[in-house]
Each structure stands twice: as structure tokens, then as C-alpha cells.
Amino acid sequence: MRLQGADADVDRSTSELAALIEALLLVAPEAPTVTELADAASVTLARIDEAIDVLAGRTDRGWIVQRQGDRLHLATAPRFASEVSAFLGLEREGKLSSAALETLAIVAYQQPVTRAEIEAVRGVDSSGVLATLHARELIEPVSRLAAIGNPFQYGTTVGFLRLFGLASLADLPPLGNFEGAEGASLLEQAMSGPATSEETSG
């Protein structure tokens, strides 16, 4: 009988560990953390990270590994999005309006960010568009700023990664420092493309 615990992994290759992670992600009711995966596999965090890299590097799968902070989950490969939607009989959600995309870009690149900071860049009230993005589960409050009123600070979600076909925030197009509406326009242009269909107001 094979022993459980740390000794149980002695003869498990990185490839086999990657397969185990794949199995765990398939059955997990919610996105597990890296630590939870390490505990389940009885291996170190370093070995889990190594196996995740192997898993993420496999291109012959119909899914990709998406990472939000220290949580992981499997998502349909973006290249198969249209076929999967057609198979399931789903209509693709409408595209984000210019205002929504601009706001989402600011959140994505400057998170965590408050509504006031977003409005300082856009120059207009953004409460409505933030509500739209929150309703579509593309952004969420992640913390409160230690300032007068303790305003919410917003960040992007796993749904954001899925919409833009990103494995993690590290895959966002690199941009330099920016200020004002011109910088927000650059962010909007960088993030447009994957999420296009019918217009959705914001």
C-alpha cells in the first residue's frame, strides 16, 4: 500500500503532477488556491508552480489555465469560443461600450483603484459604468482605501480574464506610464478586439 503524505510524491514526475492538478481543477467546486493544490498533492509549493507551468504550456488542449491571484481554474480555450457557444446554443454577450471598455482598462492596469481615481482619469461620473461592469462580473470590490469615507477599491475578476482570453493579468499588453484621458484611450485600444459583438451600454 502506498504511503500518504510527503513520501507519496517521491516517484511522481512533474508531468504526472501536472496531470493530477488538471484532475483537481476539473472537479473543484470553486477555483482552488496554489496552497490547496499543494496540500492535496502532498508536495511543496515550488513543485506545484513547476507543474502549473507545464500544464499552462500545453497547447494541444481545449482549455487554458487561468490564474487570478493565487487561485487557478480551467477555462475554454479562446480559439474555440465560437464553436463552444454554437454547440451550447449560446449567444455571445454584447460588446462593451466605449465608456465601459475605457473604465475596465483603467481598472485592469491600475488596480486596486477607487471610483474617484477612475473619474479623475475619465473626467466624468463613472458610477453607472462601474455598476454595469460589476453586474457583468468583470470587476469587483477588492478592498477599501484607508482614507476619508473608506471608498471601495476595484479590481478585475476571473470573468475579465475569460472575456479577454488571458491566462493571468501578466498577459495584459505592456504599456508605459500614462496620465489623463490620452492614457485611458491607449488602454482602451490595447484591450479592444476579443470582446466584440453587439453594443452594450455603460
C-alpha atoms as a PDB file:
ATOM      1  CA  MET A   1       0.000   0.000   0.000  1.00  0.00           C
ATOM      2  CA  ARG A   2       1.360   3.391  -0.979  1.00  0.00           C
ATOM      3  CA  LEU A   3       2.044   5.783   1.886  1.00  0.00           C
ATOM      4  CA  GLN A   4       0.179   9.082   2.041  1.00  0.00           C
ATOM      5  CA  GLY A   5       1.881  12.441   2.659  1.00  0.00           C
ATOM      6  CA  ALA A   6       5.208  13.833   1.512  1.00  0.00           C
ATOM      7  CA  ASP A   7       6.771  10.424   0.815  1.00  0.00           C
ATOM      8  CA  ALA A   8       3.941   9.560  -1.581  1.00  0.00           C
ATOM      9  CA  ASP A   9       5.294  12.009  -4.179  1.00  0.00           C
ATOM     10  CA  VAL A  10       8.845  10.653  -4.419  1.00  0.00           C
ATOM     11  CA  ASP A  11       8.229   8.807  -7.693  1.00  0.00           C
ATOM     12  CA  ARG A  12       5.740  11.303  -9.204  1.00  0.00           C
ATOM     13  CA  SER A  13       7.147  13.139 -12.198  1.00  0.00           C
ATOM     14  CA  THR A  14       6.370  16.765 -12.949  1.00  0.00           C
ATOM     15  CA  SER A  15       4.268  15.631 -15.889  1.00  0.00           C
ATOM     16  CA  GLU A  16       2.274  13.302 -13.653  1.00  0.00           C
ATOM     17  CA  LEU A  17       1.869  16.059 -11.074  1.00  0.00           C
ATOM     18  CA  ALA A  18       0.567  18.360 -13.814  1.00  0.00           C
ATOM     19  CA  ALA A  19      -1.986  15.683 -14.725  1.00  0.00           C
ATOM     20  CA  LEU A  20      -3.056  15.489 -11.087  1.00  0.00           C
ATOM     21  CA  ILE A  21      -3.527  19.254 -10.939  1.00  0.00           C
ATOM     22  CA  GLU A  22      -5.622  19.029 -14.093  1.00  0.00           C
ATOM     23  CA  ALA A  23      -7.827  16.411 -12.440  1.00  0.00           C
ATOM     24  CA  LEU A  24      -8.196  18.508  -9.285  1.00  0.00           C
ATOM     25  CA  LEU A  25      -9.139  21.612 -11.281  1.00  0.00           C
ATOM     26  CA  LEU A  26     -11.748  19.625 -13.188  1.00  0.00           C
ATOM     27  CA  VAL A  27     -13.567  18.504 -10.018  1.00  0.00           C
ATOM     28  CA  ALA A  28     -13.017  21.557  -7.777  1.00  0.00           C
ATOM     29  CA  PRO A  29     -16.337  23.294  -6.953  1.00  0.00           C
ATOM     30  CA  GLU A  30     -14.512  26.640  -6.998  1.00  0.00           C
ATOM     31  CA  ALA A  31     -11.097  27.860  -8.065  1.00  0.00           C
ATOM     32  CA  PRO A  32      -8.571  26.378  -5.587  1.00  0.00           C
ATOM     33  CA  THR A  33      -5.508  28.201  -4.329  1.00  0.00           C
ATOM     34  CA  VAL A  34      -1.979  27.060  -5.096  1.00  0.00           C
ATOM     35  CA  THR A  35      -1.595  26.120  -1.433  1.00  0.00           C
ATOM     36  CA  GLU A  36      -4.733  23.967  -1.545  1.00  0.00           C
ATOM     37  CA  LEU A  37      -3.390  22.148  -4.600  1.00  0.00           C
ATOM     38  CA  ALA A  38      -0.046  21.570  -2.876  1.00  0.00           C
ATOM     39  CA  ASP A  39      -1.797  20.170   0.185  1.00  0.00           C
ATOM     40  CA  ALA A  40      -3.974  17.882  -1.927  1.00  0.00           C
ATOM     41  CA  ALA A  41      -0.953  16.587  -3.842  1.00  0.00           C
ATOM     42  CA  SER A  42       1.307  16.427  -0.747  1.00  0.00           C
ATOM     43  CA  VAL A  43       4.063  18.388  -2.456  1.00  0.00           C
ATOM     44  CA  THR A  44       5.815  21.720  -1.967  1.00  0.00           C
ATOM     45  CA  LEU A  45       4.607  25.000  -3.467  1.00  0.00           C
ATOM     46  CA  ALA A  46       7.709  25.054  -5.654  1.00  0.00           C
ATOM     47  CA  ARG A  47       6.777  21.706  -7.212  1.00  0.00           C
ATOM     48  CA  ILE A  48       3.193  22.856  -7.745  1.00  0.00           C
ATOM     49  CA  ASP A  49       4.392  26.018  -9.513  1.00  0.00           C
ATOM     50  CA  GLU A  50       6.650  23.907 -11.724  1.00  0.00           C
ATOM     51  CA  ALA A  51       3.788  21.580 -12.626  1.00  0.00           C
ATOM     52  CA  ILE A  52       1.442  24.518 -13.294  1.00  0.00           C
ATOM     53  CA  ASP A  53       3.977  25.904 -15.778  1.00  0.00           C
ATOM     54  CA  VAL A  54       3.989  22.545 -17.551  1.00  0.00           C
ATOM     55  CA  LEU A  55       0.197  22.452 -17.595  1.00  0.00           C
ATOM     56  CA  ALA A  56      -0.113  26.033 -18.846  1.00  0.00           C
ATOM     57  CA  GLY A  57       2.413  25.336 -21.598  1.00  0.00           C
ATOM     58  CA  ARG A  58       0.369  22.543 -23.176  1.00  0.00           C
ATOM     59  CA  THR A  59      -1.230  23.840 -26.362  1.00  0.00           C
ATOM     60  CA  ASP A  60      -2.927  20.635 -27.505  1.00  0.00           C
ATOM     61  CA  ARG A  61      -5.806  21.033 -25.067  1.00  0.00           C
ATOM     62  CA  GLY A  62      -9.244  22.556 -25.477  1.00  0.00           C
ATOM     63  CA  TRP A  63      -8.748  24.666 -22.372  1.00  0.00           C
ATOM     64  CA  ILE A  64      -6.298  27.083 -20.786  1.00  0.00           C
ATOM     65  CA  VAL A  65      -5.215  27.501 -17.167  1.00  0.00           C
ATOM     66  CA  GLN A  66      -6.333  30.871 -15.840  1.00  0.00           C
ATOM     67  CA  ARG A  67      -4.810  32.412 -12.726  1.00  0.00           C
ATOM     68  CA  GLN A  68      -6.356  35.147 -10.607  1.00  0.00           C
ATOM     69  CA  GLY A  69      -4.056  35.973  -7.714  1.00  0.00           C
ATOM     70  CA  ASP A  70      -3.190  32.610  -6.175  1.00  0.00           C
ATOM     71  CA  ARG A  71      -6.311  30.851  -7.489  1.00  0.00           C
ATOM     72  CA  LEU A  72      -6.436  28.655 -10.587  1.00  0.00           C
ATOM     73  CA  HIS A  73      -9.160  27.252 -12.802  1.00  0.00           C
ATOM     74  CA  LEU A  74      -9.628  25.782 -16.267  1.00  0.00           C
ATOM     75  CA  ALA A  75     -11.420  27.722 -18.995  1.00  0.00           C
ATOM     76  CA  THR A  76     -12.316  27.006 -22.611  1.00  0.00           C
ATOM     77  CA  ALA A  77      -9.503  27.915 -24.997  1.00  0.00           C
ATOM     78  CA  PRO A  78     -10.394  31.256 -26.644  1.00  0.00           C
ATOM     79  CA  ARG A  79      -9.755  29.810 -30.108  1.00  0.00           C
ATOM     80  CA  PHE A  80     -12.752  27.519 -29.662  1.00  0.00           C
ATOM     81  CA  ALA A  81     -15.116  30.146 -28.246  1.00  0.00           C
ATOM     82  CA  SER A  82     -17.397  30.372 -31.284  1.00  0.00           C
ATOM     83  CA  GLU A  83     -17.717  26.592 -31.695  1.00  0.00           C
ATOM     84  CA  VAL A  84     -18.421  26.071 -27.996  1.00  0.00           C
ATOM     85  CA  SER A  85     -21.039  28.828 -27.981  1.00  0.00           C
ATOM     86  CA  ALA A  86     -22.720  27.398 -31.074  1.00  0.00           C
ATOM     87  CA  PHE A  87     -22.687  23.876 -29.602  1.00  0.00           C
ATOM     88  CA  LEU A  88     -24.314  25.107 -26.397  1.00  0.00           C
ATOM     89  CA  GLY A  89     -26.744  27.314 -28.264  1.00  0.00           C
ATOM     90  CA  LEU A  90     -25.467  30.406 -26.506  1.00  0.00           C
ATOM     91  CA  GLU A  91     -25.491  33.919 -27.853  1.00  0.00           C
ATOM     92  CA  ARG A  92     -22.364  35.810 -27.142  1.00  0.00           C
ATOM     93  CA  GLU A  93     -22.779  38.741 -24.770  1.00  0.00           C
ATOM     94  CA  GLY A  94     -22.831  42.149 -26.374  1.00  0.00           C
ATOM     95  CA  LYS A  95     -19.599  44.033 -26.705  1.00  0.00           C
ATOM     96  CA  LEU A  96     -18.621  46.571 -24.107  1.00  0.00           C
ATOM     97  CA  SER A  97     -19.406  50.190 -24.870  1.00  0.00           C
ATOM     98  CA  SER A  98     -16.548  52.635 -25.300  1.00  0.00           C
ATOM     99  CA  ALA A  99     -17.165  54.025 -21.803  1.00  0.00           C
ATOM    100  CA  ALA A 100     -17.250  50.557 -20.249  1.00  0.00           C
ATOM    101  CA  LEU A 101     -14.102  49.419 -22.054  1.00  0.00           C
ATOM    102  CA  GLU A 102     -12.262  52.581 -21.096  1.00  0.00           C
ATOM    103  CA  THR A 103     -13.230  52.131 -17.447  1.00  0.00           C
ATOM    104  CA  LEU A 104     -12.363  48.442 -17.482  1.00  0.00           C
ATOM    105  CA  ALA A 105      -8.953  49.253 -18.928  1.00  0.00           C
ATOM    106  CA  ILE A 106      -8.263  51.727 -16.123  1.00  0.00           C
ATOM    107  CA  VAL A 107      -9.241  49.153 -13.509  1.00  0.00           C
ATOM    108  CA  ALA A 108      -7.189  46.415 -15.175  1.00  0.00           C
ATOM    109  CA  TYR A 109      -3.965  48.404 -15.347  1.00  0.00           C
ATOM    110  CA  GLN A 110      -4.239  50.461 -12.150  1.00  0.00           C
ATOM    111  CA  GLN A 111      -5.981  48.060  -9.761  1.00  0.00           C
ATOM    112  CA  PRO A 112      -6.826  48.381  -6.995  1.00  0.00           C
ATOM    113  CA  VAL A 113      -8.424  51.692  -7.935  1.00  0.00           C
ATOM    114  CA  THR A 114     -11.272  53.764  -6.471  1.00  0.00           C
ATOM    115  CA  ARG A 115     -14.182  55.323  -8.327  1.00  0.00           C
ATOM    116  CA  ALA A 116     -12.736  58.782  -7.674  1.00  0.00           C
ATOM    117  CA  GLU A 117      -9.421  57.757  -9.235  1.00  0.00           C
ATOM    118  CA  ILE A 118     -11.230  56.351 -12.261  1.00  0.00           C
ATOM    119  CA  GLU A 119     -13.249  59.541 -12.652  1.00  0.00           C
ATOM    120  CA  ALA A 120     -10.071  61.620 -12.371  1.00  0.00           C
ATOM    121  CA  VAL A 121      -8.786  59.839 -15.482  1.00  0.00           C
ATOM    122  CA  ARG A 122     -12.069  59.799 -17.414  1.00  0.00           C
ATOM    123  CA  GLY A 123     -13.266  63.246 -16.362  1.00  0.00           C
ATOM    124  CA  VAL A 124     -16.903  62.095 -15.987  1.00  0.00           C
ATOM    125  CA  ASP A 125     -19.112  60.331 -13.447  1.00  0.00           C
ATOM    126  CA  SER A 126     -18.451  56.583 -13.640  1.00  0.00           C
ATOM    127  CA  SER A 127     -20.933  55.154 -11.150  1.00  0.00           C
ATOM    128  CA  GLY A 128     -23.211  53.782 -13.867  1.00  0.00           C
ATOM    129  CA  VAL A 129     -20.487  52.120 -15.900  1.00  0.00           C
ATOM    130  CA  LEU A 130     -18.941  50.613 -12.752  1.00  0.00           C
ATOM    131  CA  ALA A 131     -22.327  49.148 -11.893  1.00  0.00           C
ATOM    132  CA  THR A 132     -22.546  47.664 -15.407  1.00  0.00           C
ATOM    133  CA  LEU A 133     -19.089  46.101 -15.183  1.00  0.00           C
ATOM    134  CA  HIS A 134     -19.861  44.750 -11.711  1.00  0.00           C
ATOM    135  CA  ALA A 135     -23.164  43.274 -12.930  1.00  0.00           C
ATOM    136  CA  ARG A 136     -21.303  41.522 -15.752  1.00  0.00           C
ATOM    137  CA  GLU A 137     -18.847  40.158 -13.171  1.00  0.00           C
ATOM    138  CA  LEU A 138     -15.852  41.796 -14.839  1.00  0.00           C
ATOM    139  CA  ILE A 139     -14.844  43.864 -11.796  1.00  0.00           C
ATOM    140  CA  GLU A 140     -15.396  43.566  -8.064  1.00  0.00           C
ATOM    141  CA  PRO A 141     -14.567  45.487  -4.879  1.00  0.00           C
ATOM    142  CA  VAL A 142     -11.310  44.049  -3.557  1.00  0.00           C
ATOM    143  CA  SER A 143     -10.530  46.348  -0.642  1.00  0.00           C
ATOM    144  CA  ARG A 144     -11.233  49.721   0.932  1.00  0.00           C
ATOM    145  CA  LEU A 145      -8.866  52.670   0.763  1.00  0.00           C
ATOM    146  CA  ALA A 146      -7.603  53.914   4.114  1.00  0.00           C
ATOM    147  CA  ALA A 147      -8.893  57.441   3.563  1.00  0.00           C
ATOM    148  CA  ILE A 148     -11.901  59.602   4.410  1.00  0.00           C
ATOM    149  CA  GLY A 149     -15.043  57.597   3.678  1.00  0.00           C
ATOM    150  CA  ASN A 150     -13.073  54.359   3.143  1.00  0.00           C
ATOM    151  CA  PRO A 151     -14.065  54.111  -0.554  1.00  0.00           C
ATOM    152  CA  PHE A 152     -14.064  50.764  -2.317  1.00  0.00           C
ATOM    153  CA  GLN A 153     -11.085  49.858  -4.466  1.00  0.00           C
ATOM    154  CA  TYR A 154     -11.919  47.821  -7.561  1.00  0.00           C
ATOM    155  CA  GLY A 155     -10.057  45.025  -9.310  1.00  0.00           C
ATOM    156  CA  THR A 156     -10.754  42.672 -12.195  1.00  0.00           C
ATOM    157  CA  THR A 157     -12.223  39.173 -11.888  1.00  0.00           C
ATOM    158  CA  VAL A 158     -11.752  35.732 -13.404  1.00  0.00           C
ATOM    159  CA  GLY A 159     -14.614  36.698 -15.715  1.00  0.00           C
ATOM    160  CA  PHE A 160     -12.438  39.511 -17.053  1.00  0.00           C
ATOM    161  CA  LEU A 161      -9.640  37.069 -17.829  1.00  0.00           C
ATOM    162  CA  ARG A 162     -12.103  34.743 -19.551  1.00  0.00           C
ATOM    163  CA  LEU A 163     -13.613  37.521 -21.692  1.00  0.00           C
ATOM    164  CA  PHE A 164     -10.248  38.671 -22.984  1.00  0.00           C
ATOM    165  CA  GLY A 165      -8.706  35.202 -23.242  1.00  0.00           C
ATOM    166  CA  LEU A 166      -5.961  35.939 -20.724  1.00  0.00           C
ATOM    167  CA  ALA A 167      -4.301  33.351 -18.514  1.00  0.00           C
ATOM    168  CA  SER A 168      -3.396  35.998 -15.926  1.00  0.00           C
ATOM    169  CA  LEU A 169      -3.020  39.759 -15.549  1.00  0.00           C
ATOM    170  CA  ALA A 170       0.604  39.325 -16.551  1.00  0.00           C
ATOM    171  CA  ASP A 171      -0.659  38.698 -20.090  1.00  0.00           C
ATOM    172  CA  LEU A 172      -2.085  42.209 -20.430  1.00  0.00           C
ATOM    173  CA  PRO A 173      -0.410  44.163 -23.249  1.00  0.00           C
ATOM    174  CA  PRO A 174       2.534  46.087 -21.742  1.00  0.00           C
ATOM    175  CA  LEU A 175       2.046  49.828 -21.562  1.00  0.00           C
ATOM    176  CA  GLY A 176       4.127  52.683 -20.230  1.00  0.00           C
ATOM    177  CA  ASN A 177       3.076  55.168 -17.595  1.00  0.00           C
ATOM    178  CA  PHE A 178       0.065  57.224 -18.508  1.00  0.00           C
ATOM    179  CA  GLU A 179      -1.897  60.184 -17.253  1.00  0.00           C
ATOM    180  CA  GLY A 180      -5.269  61.589 -18.204  1.00  0.00           C
ATOM    181  CA  ALA A 181      -7.711  60.703 -20.941  1.00  0.00           C
ATOM    182  CA  GLU A 182      -4.987  60.048 -23.529  1.00  0.00           C
ATOM    183  CA  GLY A 183      -3.567  57.220 -21.429  1.00  0.00           C
ATOM    184  CA  ALA A 184      -7.011  55.745 -20.902  1.00  0.00           C
ATOM    185  CA  SER A 185      -7.532  55.806 -24.675  1.00  0.00           C
ATOM    186  CA  LEU A 186      -4.350  53.773 -25.136  1.00  0.00           C
ATOM    187  CA  LEU A 187      -5.594  51.239 -22.609  1.00  0.00           C
ATOM    188  CA  GLU A 188      -8.940  51.028 -24.368  1.00  0.00           C
ATOM    189  CA  GLN A 189      -7.229  50.363 -27.706  1.00  0.00           C
ATOM    190  CA  ALA A 190      -4.960  47.694 -26.203  1.00  0.00           C
ATOM    191  CA  MET A 191      -7.869  45.801 -24.700  1.00  0.00           C
ATOM    192  CA  SER A 192     -10.305  46.025 -27.612  1.00  0.00           C
ATOM    193  CA  GLY A 193     -10.664  43.168 -30.053  1.00  0.00           C
ATOM    194  CA  PRO A 194     -11.594  39.932 -28.253  1.00  0.00           C
ATOM    195  CA  ALA A 195     -14.779  41.336 -26.780  1.00  0.00           C
ATOM    196  CA  THR A 196     -16.637  42.494 -29.873  1.00  0.00           C
ATOM    197  CA  SER A 197     -20.194  41.809 -30.908  1.00  0.00           C
ATOM    198  CA  GLU A 198     -23.291  43.872 -30.270  1.00  0.00           C
ATOM    199  CA  GLU A 199     -23.102  47.143 -28.365  1.00  0.00           C
ATOM    200  CA  THR A 200     -23.727  47.125 -24.627  1.00  0.00           C
ATOM    201  CA  SER A 201     -24.274  50.472 -22.980  1.00  0.00           C
ATOM    202  CA  GLY A 202     -22.373  51.555 -19.895  1.00  0.00           C
END
